[in-house]
């Protein structure tokens, strides 16, 4: 059976849960139909005027879409359309297109496409999946403008019957215009879990799988598809006996999700009464509402990079303040840990002030940038401090590697607070300052670090990478990226014990925190605060409610004595501890 399935199988990224079976309808992408043509000399201004009219029409439509989605789905999902309006009204973004038309002498459609592609190159280099998928927002804007500039062909889907939409890329504007009663699922070649189309799919209850390489070339209209949004797979024209197997699986998955939702109002406690606080990692308001719906204790990590990357400039203090204040207001009294900018490596804003680095992830990044660009650092700190007057906030500094950096950060932090006091601007005088433990050097001297900060946050994704010298996105060495490596586990244990002894809080965030395979062991190692993707919260709570901490403490002691990943995995899989 496995060989038979393999012939019809595509693996992608699960973006919205559920299993559906239905016929395919393949969307056409207008971006592939754009042709470049030269504009006659002296007629560039006419082309720019044509573009301005198209932009005005798109802005009007985006405002209408915002109102429609607010009413039909929710304000959170609708905010993306106002963000698109802001981009189209951004003079920097638009002026670059105008300049290209004038200097290159090409038509507006081609110039819009070229600018979108340039932005996408910057975004798609980034190591944060959430930020990387923002490139799709720019593509969506480009499509809408181009559709106004050139005759738009039919997308290829008449939706006379319920179908599975197949596309190279499916944008938020595509998504909201679809008849929900006629759409069974989405399947796309590009995109990620954090794309707005994926978020809308989840809101609408439509299963979705993205990142399916070669999808459009392998599927044609009318093909019978199975979309498994839980596992991230798509199956094409399976034999009837295998289709029947999936129908049974579909029923059991639906039953499981119904049961899982029942844990939302329940406490996050082990069987022996130990509370494990489950926090959410967010990148903006879209994630925040899911975090609250799924019962997050608070926000353990608010990544602040996204708006800077969307606008490709450093936001003003007031712009940042407004964003942080809005998140705090929506958090409704829950504590929010705001991480300062984690630009770095190929995530840095390209402003032309530095040469390309040979090894960017070990170079000029994150707090290393801010300690050189202290005016920008103070600007973000001022915005966060001002926002702290409107809710519970903690400040988290990423990529710390030495005590000297901590001292320098503390100095800037205290100076910024003094500056606000002199100006008569209110903020939380008791606001906490903490650091990410993601570089092994800091984990090793955690006993010294904890004396100088108010809390610690263990960032497992980078800690594993740096400890094992493995790039998790490099397929050649990806198997060496091992969360259960004894060195990694001992560093986590060391930091946890140090924090506990110093009576300082420690939170573990990253992929490990939301993985049911690792959660029992982490609890046994003494961690009581785990921060994860909002969509992992229910599985995590279900896992916690099924284990006894005392028994997993015994298991953790045994695990930490083992010399290899293989030995640790074998012990955990043998069931010698509670499951």
Protein backbone atom coordinates (compact mmCIF):
# COMPACT_ATOMS: atom_id res chain seq x y z
CA UNK A 1 0.00 0.00 0.00
CA UNK A 2 2.85 2.41 0.84
CA UNK A 3 4.36 2.00 -2.66
CA UNK A 4 0.98 2.65 -4.24
CA UNK A 5 0.47 5.83 -2.18
CA UNK A 6 4.01 7.07 -2.97
CA UNK A 7 3.16 7.30 -6.69
CA UNK A 8 0.37 9.76 -5.92
CA UNK A 9 2.00 11.62 -3.02
CA UNK A 10 3.17 15.23 -2.47
CA UNK A 11 4.52 16.47 0.89
CA UNK A 12 4.09 20.06 1.97
CA UNK A 13 3.44 22.18 5.07
CA UNK A 14 0.23 21.73 7.09
CA UNK A 15 -1.38 25.20 7.13
CA UNK A 16 -4.97 24.55 8.23
CA UNK A 17 -6.20 21.27 9.77
CA UNK A 18 -8.65 18.78 8.34
CA UNK A 19 -8.95 16.07 5.69
CA UNK A 20 -11.06 16.48 2.56
CA UNK A 21 -11.57 14.52 -0.63
CA UNK A 22 -12.66 16.28 -3.82
CA UNK A 23 -11.95 17.36 -7.39
CA UNK A 24 -9.20 19.82 -8.26
CA UNK A 25 -9.64 23.24 -9.78
CA UNK A 26 -6.37 24.92 -10.85
CA UNK A 27 -6.02 28.68 -10.37
CA UNK A 28 -4.10 30.70 -12.97
CA UNK A 29 -1.64 33.35 -11.72
CA UNK A 30 -1.76 36.71 -13.49
CA UNK A 31 1.86 37.43 -12.53
CA UNK A 32 2.95 34.81 -15.05
CA UNK A 33 1.09 36.64 -17.80
CA UNK A 34 2.77 40.03 -17.40
CA UNK A 35 4.73 41.10 -20.47
CA UNK A 36 7.35 43.82 -20.56
CA UNK A 37 7.01 46.45 -23.23
CA UNK A 38 8.83 49.70 -23.82
CA UNK A 39 7.03 52.99 -23.24
CA UNK A 40 7.53 55.65 -25.88
CA UNK A 41 9.90 58.41 -24.88
CA UNK A 42 8.02 61.27 -23.23
CA UNK A 43 5.02 59.12 -22.30
CA UNK A 44 6.29 57.87 -18.94
CA UNK A 45 4.06 60.31 -17.06
CA UNK A 46 1.00 58.94 -18.82
CA UNK A 47 2.02 55.44 -17.68
CA UNK A 48 2.47 56.71 -14.14
CA UNK A 49 -0.98 58.34 -14.24
CA UNK A 50 -2.46 55.00 -15.38
CA UNK A 51 -0.73 53.30 -12.46
CA UNK A 52 -2.00 55.91 -9.98
CA UNK A 53 -5.58 55.28 -11.11
CA UNK A 54 -5.09 51.51 -10.66
CA UNK A 55 -3.65 52.01 -7.17
CA UNK A 56 -6.61 54.23 -6.20
CA UNK A 57 -9.05 51.54 -7.37
CA UNK A 58 -7.20 48.84 -5.41
CA UNK A 59 -7.14 50.96 -2.24
CA UNK A 60 -10.91 51.45 -2.49
CA UNK A 61 -11.39 47.69 -2.91
CA UNK A 62 -9.10 46.93 0.03
CA UNK A 63 -11.14 49.20 2.30
CA UNK A 64 -14.31 47.39 1.15
CA UNK A 65 -12.63 44.02 1.78
CA UNK A 66 -11.67 45.14 5.27
CA UNK A 67 -15.29 45.99 6.08
CA UNK A 68 -16.59 42.78 4.56
CA UNK A 69 -14.14 40.50 6.36
CA UNK A 70 -14.66 42.36 9.65
CA UNK A 71 -18.36 41.65 9.45
CA UNK A 72 -18.23 38.09 8.10
CA UNK A 73 -15.12 36.66 9.77
CA UNK A 74 -13.57 39.01 12.31
CA UNK A 75 -11.53 42.18 12.79
CA UNK A 76 -8.28 40.25 13.25
CA UNK A 77 -8.49 38.62 9.83
CA UNK A 78 -9.51 41.94 8.25
CA UNK A 79 -6.47 43.89 9.43
CA UNK A 80 -4.29 42.55 6.61
CA UNK A 81 -6.27 44.59 4.07
CA UNK A 82 -5.61 47.84 5.92
CA UNK A 83 -1.95 46.85 6.09
CA UNK A 84 -2.04 46.48 2.30
CA UNK A 85 -3.55 49.96 2.04
CA UNK A 86 -0.70 51.33 4.14
CA UNK A 87 1.86 49.75 1.82
CA UNK A 88 0.18 51.22 -1.27
CA UNK A 89 0.13 54.62 0.40
CA UNK A 90 3.77 54.37 1.48
CA UNK A 91 5.63 56.99 -0.60
CA UNK A 92 8.88 54.99 -0.54
CA UNK A 93 7.32 51.87 -2.03
CA UNK A 94 5.33 53.70 -4.73
CA UNK A 95 8.03 56.21 -5.64
CA UNK A 96 10.41 53.36 -6.48
CA UNK A 97 7.93 52.08 -9.08
CA UNK A 98 7.42 55.55 -10.51
CA UNK A 99 11.19 56.01 -10.70
CA UNK A 100 11.58 52.68 -12.48
CA UNK A 101 9.00 53.63 -15.10
CA UNK A 102 10.75 56.94 -15.75
CA UNK A 103 14.30 55.59 -15.81
CA UNK A 104 13.74 52.23 -17.49
CA UNK A 105 11.02 53.31 -19.88
CA UNK A 106 8.88 50.22 -19.31
CA UNK A 107 5.16 49.68 -18.82
CA UNK A 108 3.55 49.95 -15.39
CA UNK A 109 2.64 46.24 -15.15
CA UNK A 110 6.24 45.16 -15.68
CA UNK A 111 7.56 47.77 -13.27
CA UNK A 112 5.14 46.69 -10.51
CA UNK A 113 6.13 43.06 -11.05
CA UNK A 114 9.84 43.91 -10.92
CA UNK A 115 9.50 45.85 -7.66
CA UNK A 116 7.46 43.05 -6.09
CA UNK A 117 10.13 40.53 -7.09
CA UNK A 118 12.86 42.69 -5.53
CA UNK A 119 11.00 42.85 -2.23
CA UNK A 120 10.34 39.10 -2.32
CA UNK A 121 14.06 38.38 -2.72
CA UNK A 122 14.76 40.23 0.53
CA UNK A 123 11.93 38.57 2.46
CA UNK A 124 12.51 35.02 1.23
CA UNK A 125 16.12 35.04 2.41
CA UNK A 126 14.98 35.33 6.01
CA UNK A 127 15.27 32.50 8.49
CA UNK A 128 12.04 33.27 10.37
CA UNK A 129 9.16 31.43 8.60
CA UNK A 130 6.63 33.95 9.85
CA UNK A 131 8.51 36.87 8.33
CA UNK A 132 9.49 34.98 5.20
CA UNK A 133 5.85 34.48 4.27
CA UNK A 134 5.21 38.24 4.30
CA UNK A 135 6.57 38.19 0.74
CA UNK A 136 3.15 36.82 -0.21
CA UNK A 137 1.46 40.01 1.00
CA UNK A 138 3.52 41.99 -1.49
CA UNK A 139 2.64 39.55 -4.26
CA UNK A 140 -1.03 39.94 -3.40
CA UNK A 141 -0.78 43.73 -3.66
CA UNK A 142 1.06 43.42 -6.97
CA UNK A 143 -1.59 41.08 -8.41
CA UNK A 144 -4.41 43.42 -7.51
CA UNK A 145 -2.72 46.41 -9.10
CA UNK A 146 -1.75 44.46 -12.22
CA UNK A 147 -5.31 43.17 -12.60
CA UNK A 148 -6.43 46.79 -12.88
CA UNK A 149 -3.72 47.55 -15.43
CA UNK A 150 -4.33 44.67 -17.83
CA UNK A 151 -7.30 42.55 -18.91
CA UNK A 152 -7.65 39.85 -16.30
CA UNK A 153 -8.05 36.29 -17.62
CA UNK A 154 -10.42 33.88 -15.93
CA UNK A 155 -8.76 32.07 -13.04
CA UNK A 156 -9.87 28.70 -14.38
CA UNK A 157 -12.30 27.90 -11.54
CA UNK A 158 -16.00 28.34 -12.24
CA UNK A 159 -16.97 26.80 -8.87
CA UNK A 160 -20.12 25.15 -10.13
CA UNK A 161 -19.55 22.39 -7.55
CA UNK A 162 -17.45 22.12 -4.38
CA UNK A 163 -13.77 21.79 -5.35
CA UNK A 164 -10.23 21.81 -3.96
CA UNK A 165 -8.44 24.97 -5.09
CA UNK A 166 -4.95 24.32 -6.47
CA UNK A 167 -2.64 27.28 -7.11
CA UNK A 168 0.97 28.35 -7.30
CA UNK A 169 0.11 30.92 -4.64
CA UNK A 170 -3.20 31.85 -3.07
CA UNK A 171 -3.46 35.37 -1.69
CA UNK A 172 -5.77 36.80 0.98
CA UNK A 173 -7.75 38.63 -1.71
CA UNK A 174 -8.15 35.37 -3.63
CA UNK A 175 -9.28 33.65 -0.46
CA UNK A 176 -12.01 36.05 0.61
CA UNK A 177 -13.54 36.17 -2.88
CA UNK A 178 -14.10 32.43 -3.01
CA UNK A 179 -17.53 31.02 -2.33
CA UNK A 180 -16.91 29.18 0.94
CA UNK A 181 -19.72 26.74 0.23
CA UNK A 182 -17.95 25.70 -2.98
CA UNK A 183 -14.38 25.43 -1.61
CA UNK A 184 -13.37 22.22 0.14
CA UNK A 185 -9.67 22.98 0.66
CA UNK A 186 -6.61 24.91 -0.55
CA UNK A 187 -3.36 23.47 -1.89
CA UNK A 188 -0.52 25.76 -3.01
CA UNK A 189 3.08 25.52 -4.16
CA UNK A 190 4.25 28.44 -2.02
CA UNK A 191 3.31 29.85 1.36
CA UNK A 192 3.72 28.89 5.00
CA UNK A 193 1.75 28.40 8.21
CA UNK A 194 1.96 32.10 9.01
CA UNK A 195 0.67 33.41 5.67
CA UNK A 196 -2.53 35.41 5.85
CA UNK A 197 -4.22 33.07 3.40
CA UNK A 198 -3.44 30.21 5.80
CA UNK A 199 -4.80 32.22 8.72
CA UNK A 200 -7.98 32.97 6.79
CA UNK A 201 -8.28 29.29 5.85
CA UNK A 202 -8.13 28.34 9.52
CA UNK A 203 -10.69 31.00 10.37
CA UNK A 204 -13.05 29.70 7.69
CA UNK A 205 -12.48 26.10 8.74
CA UNK A 206 -11.04 25.19 5.33
CA UNK A 207 -8.18 22.63 5.31
CA UNK A 208 -5.01 23.84 3.60
CA UNK A 209 -1.59 22.47 2.64
CA UNK A 210 1.12 24.81 1.31
CA UNK A 211 4.70 24.45 0.09
CA UNK A 212 3.83 21.58 -2.28
CA UNK A 213 6.73 21.62 -4.72
CA UNK A 214 5.74 21.00 -8.35
CA UNK A 215 2.03 21.00 -7.49
CA UNK A 216 0.67 22.95 -10.46
CA UNK A 217 2.60 20.86 -12.97
CA UNK A 218 1.30 17.60 -11.48
CA UNK A 219 -2.38 18.40 -10.98
CA UNK A 220 -4.95 19.16 -13.65
CA UNK A 221 -8.55 20.26 -13.43
CA UNK A 222 -10.84 17.42 -12.37
CA UNK A 223 -8.20 15.25 -10.69
CA UNK A 224 -9.47 13.56 -7.52
CA UNK A 225 -7.42 14.84 -4.58
CA UNK A 226 -7.05 14.07 -0.89
CA UNK A 227 -5.86 17.09 1.11
CA UNK A 228 -4.59 16.23 4.59
CA UNK A 229 -4.17 19.55 6.40
CA UNK A 230 -3.12 17.79 9.61
CA UNK A 231 -0.11 16.00 8.10
CA UNK A 232 0.64 18.42 5.26
CA UNK A 233 0.20 15.98 2.38
CA UNK A 234 -1.71 15.86 -0.88
CA UNK A 235 -2.64 12.68 -2.76
CA UNK A 236 -3.56 12.66 -6.45
CA UNK A 237 -5.97 10.20 -8.11
CA UNK A 238 -5.71 7.41 -5.54
CA UNK A 239 -7.34 4.03 -6.24
CA UNK A 240 -10.83 3.72 -4.76
CA UNK A 241 -9.78 1.31 -1.99
CA UNK A 242 -7.25 3.84 -0.70
CA UNK A 243 -9.77 6.64 -0.97
CA UNK A 244 -12.05 4.63 1.32
CA UNK A 245 -9.23 4.36 3.86
CA UNK A 246 -8.97 8.15 3.87
CA UNK A 247 -12.70 8.53 4.37
CA UNK A 248 -12.38 6.50 7.56
CA UNK A 249 -9.35 8.54 8.63
CA UNK A 250 -11.31 11.71 7.92
CA UNK A 251 -14.03 10.63 10.35
CA UNK A 252 -11.55 9.74 13.10
CA UNK A 253 -9.59 13.02 12.74
CA UNK A 254 -12.76 15.09 12.98
CA UNK A 255 -13.70 13.20 16.13
CA UNK A 256 -10.23 13.81 17.61
CA UNK A 257 -10.32 17.58 16.95
CA UNK A 258 -13.71 17.80 18.61
CA UNK A 259 -12.33 16.06 21.68
CA UNK A 260 -9.17 18.22 21.68
CA UNK A 261 -11.17 21.45 21.75
CA UNK A 262 -12.66 20.35 25.07
CA UNK A 263 -9.37 21.05 26.85
CA UNK A 264 -9.57 24.81 26.16
CA UNK A 265 -11.35 25.69 29.45
CA UNK A 266 -9.40 23.12 31.50
CA UNK A 267 -6.39 23.85 33.68
CA UNK A 268 -2.89 23.11 32.42
CA UNK A 269 -1.87 20.76 35.24
CA UNK A 270 -0.16 17.41 35.44
CA UNK A 271 -1.95 14.44 37.01
CA UNK A 272 -0.12 15.12 40.27
CA UNK A 273 -1.27 18.75 40.39
CA UNK A 274 1.72 20.67 39.03
CA UNK A 275 0.80 23.73 36.93
CA UNK A 276 2.67 24.20 33.64
CA UNK A 277 1.98 27.64 32.20
CA UNK A 278 1.54 27.60 28.43
CA UNK A 279 2.48 30.84 26.68
CA UNK A 280 2.21 31.77 23.00
CA UNK A 281 4.77 33.05 20.51
CA UNK A 282 3.26 35.70 18.25
CA UNK A 283 4.32 37.94 15.39
CA UNK A 284 1.34 40.28 15.46
CA UNK A 285 -2.35 40.70 16.18
CA UNK A 286 -3.37 37.84 13.91
CA UNK A 287 -1.54 35.34 16.11
CA UNK A 288 -2.66 37.05 19.32
CA UNK A 289 -6.35 36.30 18.84
CA UNK A 290 -5.62 32.62 18.25
CA UNK A 291 -3.42 32.57 21.34
CA UNK A 292 -6.24 33.98 23.46
CA UNK A 293 -8.84 31.68 21.92
CA UNK A 294 -6.73 28.60 22.70
CA UNK A 295 -6.22 29.71 26.29
CA UNK A 296 -2.62 30.96 26.34
CA UNK A 297 -1.49 32.05 29.80
CA UNK A 298 0.17 35.05 28.20
CA UNK A 299 2.54 36.01 25.39
CA UNK A 300 5.94 34.48 26.03
CA UNK A 301 7.52 35.91 22.88
CA UNK A 302 6.32 38.82 20.75
CA UNK A 303 8.57 39.01 17.67
CA UNK A 304 8.74 42.67 16.58
CA UNK A 305 10.53 42.34 13.22
CA UNK A 306 7.59 42.01 10.83
CA UNK A 307 6.44 45.66 10.46
CA UNK A 308 10.01 46.81 9.84
CA UNK A 309 10.39 44.29 7.05
CA UNK A 310 7.06 45.07 5.46
CA UNK A 311 7.94 48.77 5.19
CA UNK A 312 11.67 48.18 4.65
CA UNK A 313 12.56 50.99 7.02
CA UNK A 314 13.03 51.56 10.72
CA UNK A 315 9.67 52.50 12.21
CA UNK A 316 9.40 55.69 14.21
CA UNK A 317 9.02 55.59 17.96
CA UNK A 318 5.34 56.56 17.70
CA UNK A 319 4.64 53.87 15.09
CA UNK A 320 6.21 51.23 17.32
CA UNK A 321 4.42 52.53 20.40
CA UNK A 322 1.05 52.30 18.66
CA UNK A 323 1.73 48.69 17.65
CA UNK A 324 2.86 47.55 21.11
CA UNK A 325 0.03 49.43 22.83
CA UNK A 326 -2.53 47.73 20.57
CA UNK A 327 -1.13 44.27 21.34
CA UNK A 328 -1.24 45.01 25.08
CA UNK A 329 -4.81 46.26 24.85
CA UNK A 330 -5.92 43.17 22.94
CA UNK A 331 -4.04 40.92 25.42
CA UNK A 332 -6.61 41.97 28.04
CA UNK A 333 -4.31 42.07 31.06
CA UNK A 334 -2.14 39.10 30.16
CA UNK A 335 1.60 39.54 30.39
CA UNK A 336 3.41 40.18 27.09
CA UNK A 337 7.15 39.60 26.64
CA UNK A 338 8.36 41.86 23.83
CA UNK A 339 11.60 40.80 22.15
CA UNK A 340 13.68 43.61 20.73
CA UNK A 341 14.54 43.38 17.05
CA UNK A 342 16.23 40.18 15.98
CA UNK A 343 17.45 41.39 12.62
CA UNK A 344 20.66 39.78 11.58
CA UNK A 345 22.40 37.63 9.06
CA UNK A 346 20.29 37.94 5.91
CA UNK A 347 17.42 39.33 8.00
CA UNK A 348 19.05 42.74 8.35
CA UNK A 349 17.34 45.72 6.78
CA UNK A 350 19.32 46.38 3.64
CA UNK A 351 20.25 50.03 3.88
CA UNK A 352 23.50 49.88 1.93
CA UNK A 353 25.70 50.62 4.93
CA UNK A 354 27.54 47.33 5.04
CA UNK A 355 28.99 44.71 2.79
CA UNK A 356 27.47 41.25 2.46
CA UNK A 357 28.81 38.94 5.17
CA UNK A 358 30.37 35.58 4.41
CA UNK A 359 28.75 33.98 7.48
CA UNK A 360 25.86 36.28 8.47
CA UNK A 361 24.39 34.09 11.23
CA UNK A 362 27.65 34.31 13.15
CA UNK A 363 28.19 37.95 12.33
CA UNK A 364 26.62 41.36 12.65
CA UNK A 365 23.13 40.61 13.91
CA UNK A 366 20.54 41.24 16.58
CA UNK A 367 21.82 42.96 19.73
CA UNK A 368 25.22 43.37 18.06
CA UNK A 369 23.55 45.74 15.63
CA UNK A 370 21.73 47.65 18.37
CA UNK A 371 24.82 48.10 20.53
CA UNK A 372 26.46 49.85 17.60
CA UNK A 373 23.29 51.68 16.53
CA UNK A 374 22.29 52.80 20.03
CA UNK A 375 20.00 55.59 18.86
CA UNK A 376 17.83 52.99 17.13
CA UNK A 377 18.00 50.73 20.20
CA UNK A 378 16.82 53.57 22.45
CA UNK A 379 14.03 54.31 20.01
CA UNK A 380 12.58 50.82 20.34
CA UNK A 381 13.12 50.75 24.09
CA UNK A 382 11.29 54.07 24.45
CA UNK A 383 8.33 52.69 22.50
CA UNK A 384 8.19 49.54 24.64
CA UNK A 385 8.56 51.48 27.88
CA UNK A 386 5.80 53.90 26.90
CA UNK A 387 3.55 50.95 26.03
CA UNK A 388 4.22 49.42 29.47
CA UNK A 389 1.93 52.07 30.97
CA UNK A 390 -0.93 50.28 29.19
CA UNK A 391 -0.36 46.66 30.22
CA UNK A 392 1.98 44.04 31.66
CA UNK A 393 5.24 44.02 29.71
CA UNK A 394 8.65 42.39 29.94
CA UNK A 395 11.58 43.28 27.66
CA UNK A 396 13.56 40.42 26.14
CA UNK A 397 16.99 40.88 24.51
CA UNK A 398 18.02 38.27 21.89
CA UNK A 399 21.40 36.91 20.81
CA UNK A 400 23.32 37.83 23.98
CA UNK A 401 26.72 36.11 24.10
CA UNK A 402 28.64 37.77 26.95
CA UNK A 403 28.40 39.55 30.30
CA UNK A 404 29.82 42.67 28.69
CA UNK A 405 26.86 42.86 26.33
CA UNK A 406 24.44 42.48 29.23
CA UNK A 407 26.12 45.35 31.09
CA UNK A 408 25.96 47.56 28.02
CA UNK A 409 22.29 46.70 27.42
CA UNK A 410 21.43 47.44 31.05
CA UNK A 411 23.20 50.79 30.80
CA UNK A 412 21.19 51.81 27.72
CA UNK A 413 17.98 50.50 29.29
CA UNK A 414 18.42 52.51 32.50
CA UNK A 415 19.48 55.63 30.57
CA UNK A 416 16.33 55.36 28.44
CA UNK A 417 14.16 55.10 31.54
CA UNK A 418 15.84 58.18 33.02
CA UNK A 419 15.24 60.05 29.78
CA UNK A 420 11.51 59.30 29.91
CA UNK A 421 11.32 60.38 33.54
CA UNK A 422 12.88 63.74 32.68
CA UNK A 423 10.30 64.18 29.93
CA UNK A 424 7.47 63.33 32.29
CA UNK A 425 6.43 60.28 30.25
CA UNK A 426 4.91 57.48 32.32
CA UNK A 427 5.97 53.83 32.14
CA UNK A 428 6.07 50.78 34.41
CA UNK A 429 8.91 51.47 36.86
CA UNK A 430 9.01 47.76 37.74
CA UNK A 431 9.35 46.54 34.15
CA UNK A 432 11.54 43.42 33.85
CA UNK A 433 14.54 43.02 31.57
CA UNK A 434 15.58 39.53 30.47
CA UNK A 435 17.79 37.81 27.91
CA UNK A 436 17.42 34.97 25.44
CA UNK A 437 19.65 32.00 26.20
CA UNK A 438 20.35 30.83 22.65
CA UNK A 439 24.14 31.05 22.48
CA UNK A 440 26.01 28.29 24.37
CA UNK A 441 28.42 30.80 25.96
CA UNK A 442 25.52 32.35 27.88
CA UNK A 443 24.11 28.98 28.94
CA UNK A 444 27.52 28.02 30.32
CA UNK A 445 27.79 31.18 32.46
CA UNK A 446 24.09 31.29 33.32
CA UNK A 447 24.94 31.46 37.02
CA UNK A 448 26.56 34.85 36.39
CA UNK A 449 24.00 36.04 33.82
CA UNK A 450 21.05 35.43 36.13
CA UNK A 451 22.49 37.90 38.67
CA UNK A 452 22.24 40.75 36.16
CA UNK A 453 18.80 40.15 34.62
CA UNK A 454 15.23 39.67 35.84
CA UNK A 455 14.36 36.55 33.85
CA UNK A 456 15.65 34.09 31.25
CA UNK A 457 14.13 32.71 28.07
CA UNK A 458 15.70 29.64 26.47
CA UNK A 459 15.52 29.83 22.67
CA UNK A 460 15.91 26.20 21.65
CA UNK A 461 15.96 26.70 17.86
CA UNK A 462 19.20 28.70 17.87
CA UNK A 463 20.63 27.00 20.95
CA UNK A 464 20.52 23.66 19.15
CA UNK A 465 22.00 25.16 15.98
CA UNK A 466 24.88 26.87 17.74
CA UNK A 467 25.61 24.02 20.13
CA UNK A 468 25.76 21.40 17.38
CA UNK A 469 27.11 23.68 14.61
CA UNK A 470 24.16 22.66 12.40
CA UNK A 471 22.09 24.79 10.03
CA UNK A 472 18.59 23.35 10.42
CA UNK A 473 17.62 24.62 6.96
CA UNK A 474 20.54 22.85 5.25
CA UNK A 475 19.29 19.49 3.96
CA UNK A 476 22.82 18.07 3.92
CA UNK A 477 23.22 18.38 7.69
CA UNK A 478 19.60 18.65 8.83
CA UNK A 479 19.64 15.11 10.37
CA UNK A 480 22.29 16.40 12.80
CA UNK A 481 19.82 18.95 14.17
CA UNK A 482 18.91 16.92 17.25
CA UNK A 483 16.88 18.40 20.13
CA UNK A 484 17.60 15.28 22.21
CA UNK A 485 21.37 15.63 21.89
CA UNK A 486 22.83 15.18 25.41
CA UNK A 487 24.78 18.46 25.13
CA UNK A 488 21.60 20.39 24.34
CA UNK A 489 19.62 18.76 27.14
CA UNK A 490 22.37 19.41 29.67
CA UNK A 491 22.53 23.08 28.72
CA UNK A 492 18.75 23.39 29.14
CA UNK A 493 18.95 21.63 32.49
CA UNK A 494 21.83 23.82 33.62
CA UNK A 495 19.99 27.05 32.81
CA UNK A 496 16.75 25.81 34.40
CA UNK A 497 18.48 24.87 37.68
CA UNK A 498 20.39 28.15 37.84
CA UNK A 499 17.20 30.18 37.37
CA UNK A 500 15.34 28.14 39.96
CA UNK A 501 18.14 28.56 42.50
CA UNK A 502 18.18 32.32 41.90
CA UNK A 503 14.37 32.44 42.11
CA UNK A 504 14.17 33.94 38.63
CA UNK A 505 11.62 32.85 36.03
CA UNK A 506 12.75 30.83 33.02
CA UNK A 507 10.65 30.11 29.94
CA UNK A 508 11.52 27.71 27.14
CA UNK A 509 10.39 28.77 23.67
CA UNK A 510 10.99 27.32 20.24
CA UNK A 511 9.86 24.18 18.45
CA UNK A 512 10.67 21.92 21.41
CA UNK A 513 8.21 23.74 23.68
CA UNK A 514 5.19 22.82 21.56
CA UNK A 515 6.19 19.27 20.64
CA UNK A 516 4.28 16.59 22.61
CA UNK A 517 7.28 14.27 22.21
CA UNK A 518 9.52 16.57 24.27
CA UNK A 519 7.06 18.22 26.67
CA UNK A 520 7.03 15.44 29.32
CA UNK A 521 10.83 15.42 29.46
CA UNK A 522 10.99 19.23 29.70
CA UNK A 523 8.51 19.18 32.58
CA UNK A 524 10.59 16.48 34.26
CA UNK A 525 13.67 18.70 33.86
CA UNK A 526 11.97 21.37 35.94
CA UNK A 527 10.44 23.69 33.35
CA UNK A 528 7.06 25.14 34.28
CA UNK A 529 6.77 27.76 31.53
CA UNK A 530 6.64 26.78 27.86
CA UNK A 531 6.02 29.22 25.00
CA UNK A 532 4.94 27.98 21.58
CA UNK A 533 3.03 28.60 18.37
CA UNK A 534 -0.63 29.23 19.29
CA UNK A 535 -1.75 26.22 17.26
CA UNK A 536 0.33 23.90 19.46
CA UNK A 537 -1.33 24.98 22.70
CA UNK A 538 -4.15 22.41 22.81
CA UNK A 539 -1.91 19.41 22.04
CA UNK A 540 0.52 20.68 24.67
CA UNK A 541 -2.19 21.02 27.31
CA UNK A 542 -3.56 17.57 26.50
CA UNK A 543 -0.07 16.12 26.94
CA UNK A 544 0.51 17.89 30.24
CA UNK A 545 -2.81 16.71 31.66
CA UNK A 546 -1.84 13.10 30.88
CA UNK A 547 1.52 12.92 32.72
CA UNK A 548 2.83 12.85 36.27
CA UNK A 549 5.66 15.29 36.91
CA UNK A 550 7.20 13.17 39.66
CA UNK A 551 7.63 10.16 37.39
CA UNK A 552 9.07 12.33 34.61
CA UNK A 553 11.55 13.86 37.04
CA UNK A 554 12.88 10.34 37.52
CA UNK A 555 12.96 9.81 33.77
CA UNK A 556 14.80 13.11 33.25
CA UNK A 557 17.55 12.04 35.67
CA UNK A 558 18.04 8.84 33.67
CA UNK A 559 18.02 10.69 30.34
CA UNK A 560 20.65 13.19 31.46
CA UNK A 561 23.03 10.34 32.30
CA UNK A 562 22.87 8.87 28.80
CA UNK A 563 25.66 9.53 26.27
CA UNK A 564 23.84 9.65 22.92
CA UNK A 565 20.70 10.68 21.05
CA UNK A 566 20.14 7.04 20.14
CA UNK A 567 20.20 5.92 23.76
CA UNK A 568 17.90 8.72 24.86
CA UNK A 569 15.41 8.08 22.05
CA UNK A 570 15.41 4.36 22.83
CA UNK A 571 14.70 4.97 26.51
CA UNK A 572 11.84 7.35 25.76
CA UNK A 573 10.31 5.03 23.15
CA UNK A 574 10.51 1.94 25.35
CA UNK A 575 7.84 3.39 27.60
CA UNK A 576 9.91 3.18 30.79
CA UNK A 577 8.41 6.52 31.76
CA UNK A 578 4.87 7.77 31.53
CA UNK A 579 3.59 8.66 28.09
